[in-house]
Amino acid sequence: MNLDEKIYQYARKLPYSFQEELFDFIQYLLIKAEQQEKQEWASLSLSSAMRDMEDEPDLYSVSDIRVAFA
């Protein structure tokens, strides 16, 4: 018996109100997994964009600043 079947068998044994609660929890977990995946992609994208940036020459220095803000 695979995991899907085990979950189904256990869920069927629950009272209806708990089945509704289980369904809500499953929806919550799906949203959480989706958000986590988006966060991982965003992190990967940022790290890819910044890769080897520290090896690039500096284009500007402090002497290039024309207006100082205090």
C-alpha atoms as a PDB file:
ATOM      1  CA  MET A   1       0.000   0.000   0.000  1.00  0.00           C
ATOM      2  CA  ASN A   2       1.495   3.345  -1.051  1.00  0.00           C
ATOM      3  CA  LEU A   3       1.326   6.574   0.938  1.00  0.00           C
ATOM      4  CA  ASP A   4      -1.680   7.951  -0.975  1.00  0.00           C
ATOM      5  CA  GLU A   5      -3.707   4.865  -0.146  1.00  0.00           C
ATOM      6  CA  LYS A   6      -2.656   4.937   3.517  1.00  0.00           C
ATOM      7  CA  ILE A   7      -3.683   8.578   3.853  1.00  0.00           C
ATOM      8  CA  TYR A   8      -6.998   7.834   2.168  1.00  0.00           C
ATOM      9  CA  GLN A   9      -7.700   4.859   4.444  1.00  0.00           C
ATOM     10  CA  TYR A  10      -6.949   6.846   7.602  1.00  0.00           C
ATOM     11  CA  ALA A  11      -8.932   9.872   6.411  1.00  0.00           C
ATOM     12  CA  ARG A  12     -11.999   7.708   5.751  1.00  0.00           C
ATOM     13  CA  LYS A  13     -11.943   6.550   9.380  1.00  0.00           C
ATOM     14  CA  LEU A  14     -12.203  10.107  10.693  1.00  0.00           C
ATOM     15  CA  PRO A  15     -15.517  11.763  11.567  1.00  0.00           C
ATOM     16  CA  TYR A  16     -16.734  14.141   8.857  1.00  0.00           C
ATOM     17  CA  SER A  17     -15.823  17.281  10.830  1.00  0.00           C
ATOM     18  CA  PHE A  18     -12.232  16.028  11.158  1.00  0.00           C
ATOM     19  CA  GLN A  19     -12.157  15.209   7.459  1.00  0.00           C
ATOM     20  CA  GLU A  20     -13.044  18.844   6.787  1.00  0.00           C
ATOM     21  CA  GLU A  21     -10.273  19.936   9.145  1.00  0.00           C
ATOM     22  CA  LEU A  22      -7.844  17.589   7.402  1.00  0.00           C
ATOM     23  CA  PHE A  23      -8.832  19.064   4.059  1.00  0.00           C
ATOM     24  CA  ASP A  24      -8.200  22.593   5.369  1.00  0.00           C
ATOM     25  CA  PHE A  25      -4.799  21.485   6.654  1.00  0.00           C
ATOM     26  CA  ILE A  26      -3.919  19.937   3.289  1.00  0.00           C
ATOM     27  CA  GLN A  27      -4.819  23.214   1.565  1.00  0.00           C
ATOM     28  CA  TYR A  28      -2.631  25.085   4.072  1.00  0.00           C
ATOM     29  CA  LEU A  29       0.291  22.739   3.360  1.00  0.00           C
ATOM     30  CA  LEU A  30      -0.110  23.205  -0.391  1.00  0.00           C
ATOM     31  CA  ILE A  31      -0.014  26.988  -0.034  1.00  0.00           C
ATOM     32  CA  LYS A  32       3.007  26.737   2.267  1.00  0.00           C
ATOM     33  CA  ALA A  33       4.839  24.478  -0.213  1.00  0.00           C
ATOM     34  CA  GLU A  34       4.052  26.867  -3.065  1.00  0.00           C
ATOM     35  CA  GLN A  35       5.366  29.854  -1.105  1.00  0.00           C
ATOM     36  CA  GLN A  36       8.496  27.937  -0.142  1.00  0.00           C
ATOM     37  CA  GLU A  37       9.122  27.019  -3.775  1.00  0.00           C
ATOM     38  CA  LYS A  38       8.697  30.658  -4.841  1.00  0.00           C
ATOM     39  CA  GLN A  39      11.136  31.736  -2.107  1.00  0.00           C
ATOM     40  CA  GLU A  40      13.684  29.145  -3.219  1.00  0.00           C
ATOM     41  CA  TRP A  41      13.407  30.306  -6.835  1.00  0.00           C
ATOM     42  CA  ALA A  42      13.758  33.943  -5.801  1.00  0.00           C
ATOM     43  CA  SER A  43      16.842  33.126  -3.767  1.00  0.00           C
ATOM     44  CA  LEU A  44      18.343  31.123  -6.608  1.00  0.00           C
ATOM     45  CA  SER A  45      17.582  33.905  -9.064  1.00  0.00           C
ATOM     46  CA  LEU A  46      19.220  36.532  -6.857  1.00  0.00           C
ATOM     47  CA  SER A  47      22.295  34.396  -6.189  1.00  0.00           C
ATOM     48  CA  SER A  48      22.620  33.704  -9.922  1.00  0.00           C
ATOM     49  CA  ALA A  49      22.365  37.404 -10.722  1.00  0.00           C
ATOM     50  CA  MET A  50      24.976  38.346  -8.114  1.00  0.00           C
ATOM     51  CA  ARG A  51      27.395  35.504  -8.962  1.00  0.00           C
ATOM     52  CA  ASP A  52      30.956  36.720  -9.695  1.00  0.00           C
ATOM     53  CA  MET A  53      29.903  40.333  -9.143  1.00  0.00           C
ATOM     54  CA  GLU A  54      32.659  40.819  -6.555  1.00  0.00           C
ATOM     55  CA  ASP A  55      35.218  40.133  -9.301  1.00  0.00           C
ATOM     56  CA  GLU A  56      33.996  43.018 -11.459  1.00  0.00           C
ATOM     57  CA  PRO A  57      35.979  46.275 -11.364  1.00  0.00           C
ATOM     58  CA  ASP A  58      34.551  49.208  -9.420  1.00  0.00           C
ATOM     59  CA  LEU A  59      33.005  51.707 -11.820  1.00  0.00           C
ATOM     60  CA  TYR A  60      32.748  54.565  -9.343  1.00  0.00           C
ATOM     61  CA  SER A  61      34.628  55.798  -6.309  1.00  0.00           C
ATOM     62  CA  VAL A  62      33.832  58.152  -3.445  1.00  0.00           C
ATOM     63  CA  SER A  63      35.402  61.014  -5.430  1.00  0.00           C
ATOM     64  CA  ASP A  64      32.668  60.596  -8.071  1.00  0.00           C
ATOM     65  CA  ILE A  65      30.008  61.710  -5.592  1.00  0.00           C
ATOM     66  CA  ARG A  66      28.967  65.292  -6.372  1.00  0.00           C
ATOM     67  CA  VAL A  67      26.368  65.847  -3.639  1.00  0.00           C
ATOM     68  CA  ALA A  68      26.862  64.792  -0.040  1.00  0.00           C
ATOM     69  CA  PHE A  69      23.878  64.022   2.125  1.00  0.00           C
ATOM     70  CA  ALA A  70      24.215  64.389   5.835  1.00  0.00           C
END
